[in-house]
Structures are given as C-alpha cells and as structure tokens.
Amino acid sequence: MASSAKQWTPKEAEEWTREDTIAVVISPLVYILLMLGTALSFMLRPIGFVALAAGVALLVVLVRVIDPKLSAVSKGYELRQKQYIEDLERAVKWEG
C-alpha cells in the first residue's frame, strides 16, 4: 500500500478518503474471520486455522492502512488540548 506511507496533516486526516473506505470494508471481515476462526480452531477444524490466519493477515493490512490517519488525528487533538490548557491556565491566572 503506497498510500499508507503518506504523511497526513490533522485536517487532511479528518476528510473521508479511500483509506477509510478500505477500513470500513475490511473491519467487519476481520471481525467475522477472527470470530469464526477462533471458534472453529477450538474444534480443531482445519478451516478454522485458515480463517484465523486470514483474519490476522487482514488485521495487519487494516492497521497499516488506517493507523497513519488515526495518528494524525490524535496529534491534532493533542495540539488542541495543549492550547486549551494554556488558555485555561492564562485565564485562571488572570493573564488575559
């Protein structure tokens, strides 16, 4: 995924993009495959191990696709929180 290496700004990361669509499609598949794979693996069914492996592989893809955007959004919130705390401290100290 070449697009997963993109450096996102917090504002860009808020927009809906292809990465979000990929995450929306892959995430239920991951959940279903992990759930069924785990259950069938406990019953020692070979298809369970295959489903579990596929679920883990898709989970890795999902994290690689969406993590850069989530990190950028998180960084944006951290900056806003820092600014809010500084403003609050100035107001409390009457620095205006």
PDB file of N, CA and C in Angstrom:
ATOM      1  N   MET A   1       0.833  -1.178   0.000  1.00  0.00           N
ATOM      2  CA  MET A   1       0.000   0.000   0.000  1.00  0.00           C
ATOM      3  C   MET A   1       0.876   1.239   0.000  1.00  0.00           C
ATOM      4  N   ALA A   2       0.972   1.869  -1.113  1.00  0.00           N
ATOM      5  CA  ALA A   2       1.796   3.068  -1.218  1.00  0.00           C
ATOM      6  C   ALA A   2       1.170   4.231  -0.463  1.00  0.00           C
ATOM      7  N   SER A   3      -0.158   4.275  -0.430  1.00  0.00           N
ATOM      8  CA  SER A   3      -0.819   5.401   0.219  1.00  0.00           C
ATOM      9  C   SER A   3      -0.705   5.348   1.741  1.00  0.00           C
ATOM     10  N   SER A   4      -0.418   4.165   2.304  1.00  0.00           N
ATOM     11  CA  SER A   4      -0.316   4.077   3.759  1.00  0.00           C
ATOM     12  C   SER A   4       0.925   4.795   4.286  1.00  0.00           C
ATOM     13  N   ALA A   5       1.899   5.068   3.405  1.00  0.00           N
ATOM     14  CA  ALA A   5       3.112   5.768   3.825  1.00  0.00           C
ATOM     15  C   ALA A   5       2.921   7.278   3.803  1.00  0.00           C
ATOM     16  N   LYS A   6       1.778   7.755   3.360  1.00  0.00           N
ATOM     17  CA  LYS A   6       1.529   9.187   3.266  1.00  0.00           C
ATOM     18  C   LYS A   6       1.540   9.823   4.648  1.00  0.00           C
ATOM     19  N   GLN A   7       2.124  11.007   4.717  1.00  0.00           N
ATOM     20  CA  GLN A   7       2.111  11.777   5.950  1.00  0.00           C
ATOM     21  C   GLN A   7       0.869  12.666   5.943  1.00  0.00           C
ATOM     22  N   TRP A   8      -0.022  12.440   6.880  1.00  0.00           N
ATOM     23  CA  TRP A   8      -1.279  13.172   6.941  1.00  0.00           C
ATOM     24  C   TRP A   8      -1.153  14.348   7.894  1.00  0.00           C
ATOM     25  N   THR A   9      -1.784  15.450   7.526  1.00  0.00           N
ATOM     26  CA  THR A   9      -1.968  16.537   8.476  1.00  0.00           C
ATOM     27  C   THR A   9      -3.283  16.250   9.210  1.00  0.00           C
ATOM     28  N   PRO A  10      -3.458  16.812  10.399  1.00  0.00           N
ATOM     29  CA  PRO A  10      -4.714  16.551  11.117  1.00  0.00           C
ATOM     30  C   PRO A  10      -5.959  16.946  10.312  1.00  0.00           C
ATOM     31  N   LYS A  11      -5.876  18.050   9.588  1.00  0.00           N
ATOM     32  CA  LYS A  11      -7.034  18.487   8.794  1.00  0.00           C
ATOM     33  C   LYS A  11      -7.320  17.520   7.641  1.00  0.00           C
ATOM     34  N   GLU A  12      -6.268  17.071   6.953  1.00  0.00           N
ATOM     35  CA  GLU A  12      -6.445  16.104   5.863  1.00  0.00           C
ATOM     36  C   GLU A  12      -7.007  14.791   6.393  1.00  0.00           C
ATOM     37  N   ALA A  13      -6.566  14.383   7.569  1.00  0.00           N
ATOM     38  CA  ALA A  13      -6.983  13.103   8.124  1.00  0.00           C
ATOM     39  C   ALA A  13      -8.464  13.098   8.501  1.00  0.00           C
ATOM     40  N   GLU A  14      -9.045  14.261   8.719  1.00  0.00           N
ATOM     41  CA  GLU A  14     -10.465  14.341   9.059  1.00  0.00           C
ATOM     42  C   GLU A  14     -11.360  14.064   7.845  1.00  0.00           C
ATOM     43  N   GLU A  15     -10.834  14.243   6.649  1.00  0.00           N
ATOM     44  CA  GLU A  15     -11.612  14.035   5.429  1.00  0.00           C
ATOM     45  C   GLU A  15     -11.775  12.540   5.141  1.00  0.00           C
ATOM     46  N   TRP A  16     -12.910  12.177   4.505  1.00  0.00           N
ATOM     47  CA  TRP A  16     -13.166  10.800   4.128  1.00  0.00           C
ATOM     48  C   TRP A  16     -12.355  10.487   2.868  1.00  0.00           C
ATOM     49  N   THR A  17     -11.568   9.430   2.913  1.00  0.00           N
ATOM     50  CA  THR A  17     -10.707   9.072   1.782  1.00  0.00           C
ATOM     51  C   THR A  17     -10.847   7.588   1.470  1.00  0.00           C
ATOM     52  N   ARG A  18     -10.070   7.176   0.507  1.00  0.00           N
ATOM     53  CA  ARG A  18     -10.062   5.774   0.090  1.00  0.00           C
ATOM     54  C   ARG A  18      -9.653   4.864   1.247  1.00  0.00           C
ATOM     55  N   GLU A  19      -8.734   5.324   2.088  1.00  0.00           N
ATOM     56  CA  GLU A  19      -8.293   4.522   3.229  1.00  0.00           C
ATOM     57  C   GLU A  19      -9.439   4.240   4.194  1.00  0.00           C
ATOM     58  N   ASP A  20     -10.317   5.199   4.374  1.00  0.00           N
ATOM     59  CA  ASP A  20     -11.478   4.990   5.247  1.00  0.00           C
ATOM     60  C   ASP A  20     -12.417   3.952   4.661  1.00  0.00           C
ATOM     61  N   THR A  21     -12.620   4.010   3.352  1.00  0.00           N
ATOM     62  CA  THR A  21     -13.482   3.035   2.690  1.00  0.00           C
ATOM     63  C   THR A  21     -12.898   1.636   2.823  1.00  0.00           C
ATOM     64  N   ILE A  22     -11.591   1.529   2.636  1.00  0.00           N
ATOM     65  CA  ILE A  22     -10.927   0.231   2.797  1.00  0.00           C
ATOM     66  C   ILE A  22     -11.116  -0.280   4.218  1.00  0.00           C
ATOM     67  N   ALA A  23     -10.959   0.589   5.203  1.00  0.00           N
ATOM     68  CA  ALA A  23     -11.131   0.194   6.601  1.00  0.00           C
ATOM     69  C   ALA A  23     -12.556  -0.259   6.890  1.00  0.00           C
ATOM     70  N   VAL A  24     -13.540   0.420   6.295  1.00  0.00           N
ATOM     71  CA  VAL A  24     -14.937   0.053   6.513  1.00  0.00           C
ATOM     72  C   VAL A  24     -15.242  -1.319   5.915  1.00  0.00           C
ATOM     73  N   VAL A  25     -14.614  -1.643   4.803  1.00  0.00           N
ATOM     74  CA  VAL A  25     -14.847  -2.939   4.166  1.00  0.00           C
ATOM     75  C   VAL A  25     -14.096  -4.051   4.900  1.00  0.00           C
ATOM     76  N   ILE A  26     -12.855  -3.787   5.275  1.00  0.00           N
ATOM     77  CA  ILE A  26     -12.027  -4.833   5.869  1.00  0.00           C
ATOM     78  C   ILE A  26     -12.402  -5.131   7.320  1.00  0.00           C
ATOM     79  N   SER A  27     -12.785  -4.120   8.095  1.00  0.00           N
ATOM     80  CA  SER A  27     -13.001  -4.341   9.528  1.00  0.00           C
ATOM     81  C   SER A  27     -14.080  -5.381   9.853  1.00  0.00           C
ATOM     82  N   PRO A  28     -15.240  -5.394   9.183  1.00  0.00           N
ATOM     83  CA  PRO A  28     -16.185  -6.475   9.506  1.00  0.00           C
ATOM     84  C   PRO A  28     -15.667  -7.847   9.079  1.00  0.00           C
ATOM     85  N   LEU A  29     -14.909  -7.887   7.971  1.00  0.00           N
ATOM     86  CA  LEU A  29     -14.335  -9.159   7.547  1.00  0.00           C
ATOM     87  C   LEU A  29     -13.356  -9.686   8.585  1.00  0.00           C
ATOM     88  N   VAL A  30     -12.546  -8.792   9.131  1.00  0.00           N
ATOM     89  CA  VAL A  30     -11.596  -9.182  10.174  1.00  0.00           C
ATOM     90  C   VAL A  30     -12.347  -9.742  11.375  1.00  0.00           C
ATOM     91  N   TYR A  31     -13.364  -9.031  11.800  1.00  0.00           N
ATOM     92  CA  TYR A  31     -14.143  -9.468  12.965  1.00  0.00           C
ATOM     93  C   TYR A  31     -14.749 -10.848  12.729  1.00  0.00           C
ATOM     94  N   ILE A  32     -15.372 -11.042  11.587  1.00  0.00           N
ATOM     95  CA  ILE A  32     -16.018 -12.322  11.276  1.00  0.00           C
ATOM     96  C   ILE A  32     -14.990 -13.443  11.179  1.00  0.00           C
ATOM     97  N   LEU A  33     -13.900 -13.196  10.464  1.00  0.00           N
ATOM     98  CA  LEU A  33     -12.884 -14.236  10.306  1.00  0.00           C
ATOM     99  C   LEU A  33     -12.231 -14.606  11.632  1.00  0.00           C
ATOM    100  N   LEU A  34     -11.952 -13.619  12.462  1.00  0.00           N
ATOM    101  CA  LEU A  34     -11.352 -13.926  13.759  1.00  0.00           C
ATOM    102  C   LEU A  34     -12.327 -14.688  14.657  1.00  0.00           C
ATOM    103  N   MET A  35     -13.587 -14.294  14.627  1.00  0.00           N
ATOM    104  CA  MET A  35     -14.585 -14.957  15.457  1.00  0.00           C
ATOM    105  C   MET A  35     -14.782 -16.414  15.015  1.00  0.00           C
ATOM    106  N   LEU A  36     -15.029 -16.607  13.728  1.00  0.00           N
ATOM    107  CA  LEU A  36     -15.238 -17.963  13.221  1.00  0.00           C
ATOM    108  C   LEU A  36     -13.960 -18.788  13.302  1.00  0.00           C
ATOM    109  N   GLY A  37     -12.837 -18.164  12.974  1.00  0.00           N
ATOM    110  CA  GLY A  37     -11.568 -18.876  13.021  1.00  0.00           C
ATOM    111  C   GLY A  37     -11.237 -19.362  14.411  1.00  0.00           C
ATOM    112  N   THR A  38     -11.487 -18.534  15.409  1.00  0.00           N
ATOM    113  CA  THR A  38     -11.227 -18.938  16.782  1.00  0.00           C
ATOM    114  C   THR A  38     -12.142 -20.087  17.195  1.00  0.00           C
ATOM    115  N   ALA A  39     -13.431 -19.954  16.888  1.00  0.00           N
ATOM    116  CA  ALA A  39     -14.388 -20.998  17.269  1.00  0.00           C
ATOM    117  C   ALA A  39     -14.063 -22.319  16.571  1.00  0.00           C
ATOM    118  N   LEU A  40     -13.801 -22.257  15.282  1.00  0.00           N
ATOM    119  CA  LEU A  40     -13.512 -23.488  14.551  1.00  0.00           C
ATOM    120  C   LEU A  40     -12.139 -24.059  14.914  1.00  0.00           C
ATOM    121  N   SER A  41     -11.212 -23.203  15.289  1.00  0.00           N
ATOM    122  CA  SER A  41      -9.900 -23.698  15.720  1.00  0.00           C
ATOM    123  C   SER A  41     -10.003 -24.456  17.034  1.00  0.00           C
ATOM    124  N   PHE A  42     -10.878 -24.000  17.935  1.00  0.00           N
ATOM    125  CA  PHE A  42     -11.083 -24.735  19.184  1.00  0.00           C
ATOM    126  C   PHE A  42     -11.666 -26.123  18.929  1.00  0.00           C
ATOM    127  N   MET A  43     -12.396 -26.255  17.809  1.00  0.00           N
ATOM    128  CA  MET A  43     -12.939 -27.560  17.436  1.00  0.00           C
ATOM    129  C   MET A  43     -11.953 -28.350  16.565  1.00  0.00           C
ATOM    130  N   LEU A  44     -10.748 -27.797  16.409  1.00  0.00           N
ATOM    131  CA  LEU A  44      -9.673 -28.411  15.627  1.00  0.00           C
ATOM    132  C   LEU A  44     -10.059 -28.667  14.170  1.00  0.00           C
ATOM    133  N   ARG A  45     -10.841 -27.763  13.625  1.00  0.00           N
ATOM    134  CA  ARG A  45     -11.191 -27.830  12.205  1.00  0.00           C
ATOM    135  C   ARG A  45     -10.117 -27.095  11.412  1.00  0.00           C
ATOM    136  N   PRO A  46      -9.594 -27.688  10.349  1.00  0.00           N
ATOM    137  CA  PRO A  46      -8.551 -27.013   9.556  1.00  0.00           C
ATOM    138  C   PRO A  46      -9.008 -25.674   8.972  1.00  0.00           C
ATOM    139  N   ILE A  47     -10.273 -25.583   8.574  1.00  0.00           N
ATOM    140  CA  ILE A  47     -10.778 -24.325   8.016  1.00  0.00           C
ATOM    141  C   ILE A  47     -10.736 -23.220   9.064  1.00  0.00           C
ATOM    142  N   GLY A  48     -10.820 -23.582  10.330  1.00  0.00           N
ATOM    143  CA  GLY A  48     -10.738 -22.598  11.397  1.00  0.00           C
ATOM    144  C   GLY A  48      -9.372 -21.949  11.465  1.00  0.00           C
ATOM    145  N   PHE A  49      -8.344 -22.762  11.297  1.00  0.00           N
ATOM    146  CA  PHE A  49      -6.988 -22.217  11.318  1.00  0.00           C
ATOM    147  C   PHE A  49      -6.732 -21.329  10.106  1.00  0.00           C
ATOM    148  N   VAL A  50      -7.314 -21.716   8.975  1.00  0.00           N
ATOM    149  CA  VAL A  50      -7.182 -20.896   7.763  1.00  0.00           C
ATOM    150  C   VAL A  50      -7.906 -19.564   7.949  1.00  0.00           C
ATOM    151  N   ALA A  51      -9.120 -19.618   8.485  1.00  0.00           N
ATOM    152  CA  ALA A  51      -9.887 -18.391   8.718  1.00  0.00           C
ATOM    153  C   ALA A  51      -9.185 -17.501   9.739  1.00  0.00           C
ATOM    154  N   LEU A  52      -8.619 -18.094  10.766  1.00  0.00           N
ATOM    155  CA  LEU A  52      -7.901 -17.330  11.782  1.00  0.00           C
ATOM    156  C   LEU A  52      -6.672 -16.651  11.179  1.00  0.00           C
ATOM    157  N   ALA A  53      -5.932 -17.372  10.356  1.00  0.00           N
ATOM    158  CA  ALA A  53      -4.755 -16.789   9.700  1.00  0.00           C
ATOM    159  C   ALA A  53      -5.162 -15.666   8.748  1.00  0.00           C
ATOM    160  N   ALA A  54      -6.250 -15.864   8.009  1.00  0.00           N
ATOM    161  CA  ALA A  54      -6.729 -14.819   7.101  1.00  0.00           C
ATOM    162  C   ALA A  54      -7.187 -13.590   7.884  1.00  0.00           C
ATOM    163  N   GLY A  55      -7.834 -13.808   9.007  1.00  0.00           N
ATOM    164  CA  GLY A  55      -8.273 -12.696   9.842  1.00  0.00           C
ATOM    165  C   GLY A  55      -7.105 -11.896  10.390  1.00  0.00           C
ATOM    166  N   VAL A  56      -6.072 -12.581  10.825  1.00  0.00           N
ATOM    167  CA  VAL A  56      -4.884 -11.890  11.340  1.00  0.00           C
ATOM    168  C   VAL A  56      -4.188 -11.123  10.217  1.00  0.00           C
ATOM    169  N   ALA A  57      -4.093 -11.730   9.042  1.00  0.00           N
ATOM    170  CA  ALA A  57      -3.459 -11.047   7.902  1.00  0.00           C
ATOM    171  C   ALA A  57      -4.237  -9.787   7.523  1.00  0.00           C
ATOM    172  N   LEU A  58      -5.558  -9.888   7.477  1.00  0.00           N
ATOM    173  CA  LEU A  58      -6.368  -8.709   7.160  1.00  0.00           C
ATOM    174  C   LEU A  58      -6.288  -7.661   8.266  1.00  0.00           C
ATOM    175  N   LEU A  59      -6.141  -8.088   9.503  1.00  0.00           N
ATOM    176  CA  LEU A  59      -5.975  -7.149  10.607  1.00  0.00           C
ATOM    177  C   LEU A  59      -4.689  -6.342  10.452  1.00  0.00           C
ATOM    178  N   VAL A  60      -3.626  -7.002  10.033  1.00  0.00           N
ATOM    179  CA  VAL A  60      -2.359  -6.305   9.790  1.00  0.00           C
ATOM    180  C   VAL A  60      -2.532  -5.279   8.671  1.00  0.00           C
ATOM    181  N   VAL A  61      -3.223  -5.663   7.598  1.00  0.00           N
ATOM    182  CA  VAL A  61      -3.484  -4.732   6.491  1.00  0.00           C
ATOM    183  C   VAL A  61      -4.312  -3.554   6.988  1.00  0.00           C
ATOM    184  N   LEU A  62      -5.341  -3.834   7.769  1.00  0.00           N
ATOM    185  CA  LEU A  62      -6.202  -2.771   8.298  1.00  0.00           C
ATOM    186  C   LEU A  62      -5.414  -1.776   9.136  1.00  0.00           C
ATOM    187  N   VAL A  63      -4.569  -2.268  10.004  1.00  0.00           N
ATOM    188  CA  VAL A  63      -3.780  -1.373  10.851  1.00  0.00           C
ATOM    189  C   VAL A  63      -2.823  -0.539  10.010  1.00  0.00           C
ATOM    190  N   ARG A  64      -2.195  -1.139   9.024  1.00  0.00           N
ATOM    191  CA  ARG A  64      -1.256  -0.391   8.179  1.00  0.00           C
ATOM    192  C   ARG A  64      -1.955   0.669   7.342  1.00  0.00           C
ATOM    193  N   VAL A  65      -3.197   0.423   6.974  1.00  0.00           N
ATOM    194  CA  VAL A  65      -3.939   1.382   6.149  1.00  0.00           C
ATOM    195  C   VAL A  65      -4.440   2.562   6.972  1.00  0.00           C
ATOM    196  N   ILE A  66      -5.008   2.290   8.142  1.00  0.00           N
ATOM    197  CA  ILE A  66      -5.713   3.346   8.863  1.00  0.00           C
ATOM    198  C   ILE A  66      -4.875   4.009   9.953  1.00  0.00           C
ATOM    199  N   ASP A  67      -3.810   3.373  10.424  1.00  0.00           N
ATOM    200  CA  ASP A  67      -3.025   3.933  11.530  1.00  0.00           C
ATOM    201  C   ASP A  67      -2.427   5.305  11.227  1.00  0.00           C
ATOM    202  N   PRO A  68      -1.879   5.577  10.018  1.00  0.00           N
ATOM    203  CA  PRO A  68      -1.342   6.923   9.776  1.00  0.00           C
ATOM    204  C   PRO A  68      -2.393   8.023   9.936  1.00  0.00           C
ATOM    205  N   LYS A  69      -3.619   7.759   9.498  1.00  0.00           N
ATOM    206  CA  LYS A  69      -4.681   8.754   9.659  1.00  0.00           C
ATOM    207  C   LYS A  69      -5.058   8.918  11.123  1.00  0.00           C
ATOM    208  N   LEU A  70      -5.163   7.815  11.840  1.00  0.00           N
ATOM    209  CA  LEU A  70      -5.515   7.899  13.256  1.00  0.00           C
ATOM    210  C   LEU A  70      -4.437   8.625  14.051  1.00  0.00           C
ATOM    211  N   SER A  71      -3.184   8.400  13.700  1.00  0.00           N
ATOM    212  CA  SER A  71      -2.092   9.097  14.385  1.00  0.00           C
ATOM    213  C   SER A  71      -2.147  10.594  14.128  1.00  0.00           C
ATOM    214  N   ALA A  72      -2.462  10.984  12.895  1.00  0.00           N
ATOM    215  CA  ALA A  72      -2.553  12.407  12.566  1.00  0.00           C
ATOM    216  C   ALA A  72      -3.713  13.067  13.309  1.00  0.00           C
ATOM    217  N   VAL A  73      -4.851  12.396  13.371  1.00  0.00           N
ATOM    218  CA  VAL A  73      -5.998  12.944  14.095  1.00  0.00           C
ATOM    219  C   VAL A  73      -5.657  13.070  15.577  1.00  0.00           C
ATOM    220  N   SER A  74      -5.000  12.069  16.123  1.00  0.00           N
ATOM    221  CA  SER A  74      -4.614  12.104  17.528  1.00  0.00           C
ATOM    222  C   SER A  74      -3.656  13.258  17.807  1.00  0.00           C
ATOM    223  N   LYS A  75      -2.715  13.474  16.899  1.00  0.00           N
ATOM    224  CA  LYS A  75      -1.770  14.577  17.064  1.00  0.00           C
ATOM    225  C   LYS A  75      -2.506  15.915  17.050  1.00  0.00           C
ATOM    226  N   GLY A  76      -3.500  16.042  16.169  1.00  0.00           N
ATOM    227  CA  GLY A  76      -4.285  17.270  16.112  1.00  0.00           C
ATOM    228  C   GLY A  76      -5.032  17.535  17.408  1.00  0.00           C
ATOM    229  N   TYR A  77      -5.633  16.466  17.979  1.00  0.00           N
ATOM    230  CA  TYR A  77      -6.335  16.626  19.249  1.00  0.00           C
ATOM    231  C   TYR A  77      -5.373  16.973  20.379  1.00  0.00           C
ATOM    232  N   GLU A  78      -4.182  16.389  20.365  1.00  0.00           N
ATOM    233  CA  GLU A  78      -3.192  16.715  21.387  1.00  0.00           C
ATOM    234  C   GLU A  78      -2.799  18.189  21.323  1.00  0.00           C
ATOM    235  N   LEU A  79      -2.625  18.707  20.108  1.00  0.00           N
ATOM    236  CA  LEU A  79      -2.275  20.121  19.958  1.00  0.00           C
ATOM    237  C   LEU A  79      -3.405  21.021  20.447  1.00  0.00           C
ATOM    238  N   ARG A  80      -4.650  20.661  20.111  1.00  0.00           N
ATOM    239  CA  ARG A  80      -5.787  21.448  20.576  1.00  0.00           C
ATOM    240  C   ARG A  80      -5.915  21.399  22.089  1.00  0.00           C
ATOM    241  N   GLN A  81      -5.675  20.232  22.668  1.00  0.00           N
ATOM    242  CA  GLN A  81      -5.762  20.100  24.112  1.00  0.00           C
ATOM    243  C   GLN A  81      -4.681  20.937  24.792  1.00  0.00           C
ATOM    244  N   LYS A  82      -3.479  20.913  24.242  1.00  0.00           N
ATOM    245  CA  LYS A  82      -2.395  21.711  24.807  1.00  0.00           C
ATOM    246  C   LYS A  82      -2.738  23.196  24.761  1.00  0.00           C
ATOM    247  N   GLN A  83      -3.276  23.662  23.632  1.00  0.00           N
ATOM    248  CA  GLN A  83      -3.663  25.065  23.504  1.00  0.00           C
ATOM    249  C   GLN A  83      -4.784  25.408  24.477  1.00  0.00           C
ATOM    250  N   TYR A  84      -5.742  24.510  24.634  1.00  0.00           N
ATOM    251  CA  TYR A  84      -6.842  24.745  25.568  1.00  0.00           C
ATOM    252  C   TYR A  84      -6.318  24.864  26.993  1.00  0.00           C
ATOM    253  N   ILE A  85      -5.406  23.985  27.392  1.00  0.00           N
ATOM    254  CA  ILE A  85      -4.858  24.030  28.754  1.00  0.00           C
ATOM    255  C   ILE A  85      -4.079  25.318  28.976  1.00  0.00           C
ATOM    256  N   GLU A  86      -3.310  25.740  27.976  1.00  0.00           N
ATOM    257  CA  GLU A  86      -2.577  27.002  28.101  1.00  0.00           C
ATOM    258  C   GLU A  86      -3.536  28.182  28.246  1.00  0.00           C
ATOM    259  N   ASP A  87      -4.592  28.198  27.440  1.00  0.00           N
ATOM    260  CA  ASP A  87      -5.593  29.269  27.548  1.00  0.00           C
ATOM    261  C   ASP A  87      -6.280  29.244  28.912  1.00  0.00           C
ATOM    262  N   LEU A  88      -6.586  28.057  29.382  1.00  0.00           N
ATOM    263  CA  LEU A  88      -7.240  27.921  30.679  1.00  0.00           C
ATOM    264  C   LEU A  88      -6.325  28.403  31.802  1.00  0.00           C
ATOM    265  N   GLU A  89      -5.053  28.045  31.732  1.00  0.00           N
ATOM    266  CA  GLU A  89      -4.111  28.496  32.762  1.00  0.00           C
ATOM    267  C   GLU A  89      -3.962  30.016  32.750  1.00  0.00           C
ATOM    268  N   ARG A  90      -3.934  30.625  31.560  1.00  0.00           N
ATOM    269  CA  ARG A  90      -3.854  32.092  31.476  1.00  0.00           C
ATOM    270  C   ARG A  90      -5.095  32.736  32.072  1.00  0.00           C
ATOM    271  N   ALA A  91      -6.256  32.148  31.802  1.00  0.00           N
ATOM    272  CA  ALA A  91      -7.493  32.716  32.325  1.00  0.00           C
ATOM    273  C   ALA A  91      -7.556  32.585  33.848  1.00  0.00           C
ATOM    274  N   VAL A  92      -7.095  31.478  34.368  1.00  0.00           N
ATOM    275  CA  VAL A  92      -7.114  31.268  35.804  1.00  0.00           C
ATOM    276  C   VAL A  92      -6.144  32.209  36.495  1.00  0.00           C
ATOM    277  N   LYS A  93      -5.034  32.485  35.868  1.00  0.00           N
ATOM    278  CA  LYS A  93      -4.024  33.391  36.453  1.00  0.00           C
ATOM    279  C   LYS A  93      -4.319  34.857  36.142  1.00  0.00           C
ATOM    280  N   TRP A  94      -5.376  35.127  35.429  1.00  0.00           N
ATOM    281  CA  TRP A  94      -5.792  36.477  35.048  1.00  0.00           C
ATOM    282  C   TRP A  94      -4.751  37.163  34.173  1.00  0.00           C
ATOM    283  N   GLU A  95      -4.129  36.381  33.278  1.00  0.00           N
ATOM    284  CA  GLU A  95      -3.150  36.967  32.395  1.00  0.00           C
ATOM    285  C   GLU A  95      -3.794  37.478  31.114  1.00  0.00           C
ATOM    286  N   GLY A  96      -5.040  37.228  30.934  1.00  0.00           N
ATOM    287  CA  GLY A  96      -5.867  37.728  29.895  1.00  0.00           C
ATOM    288  C   GLY A  96      -5.544  37.490  28.522  1.00  0.00           C
TER     289      GLY A  96
END
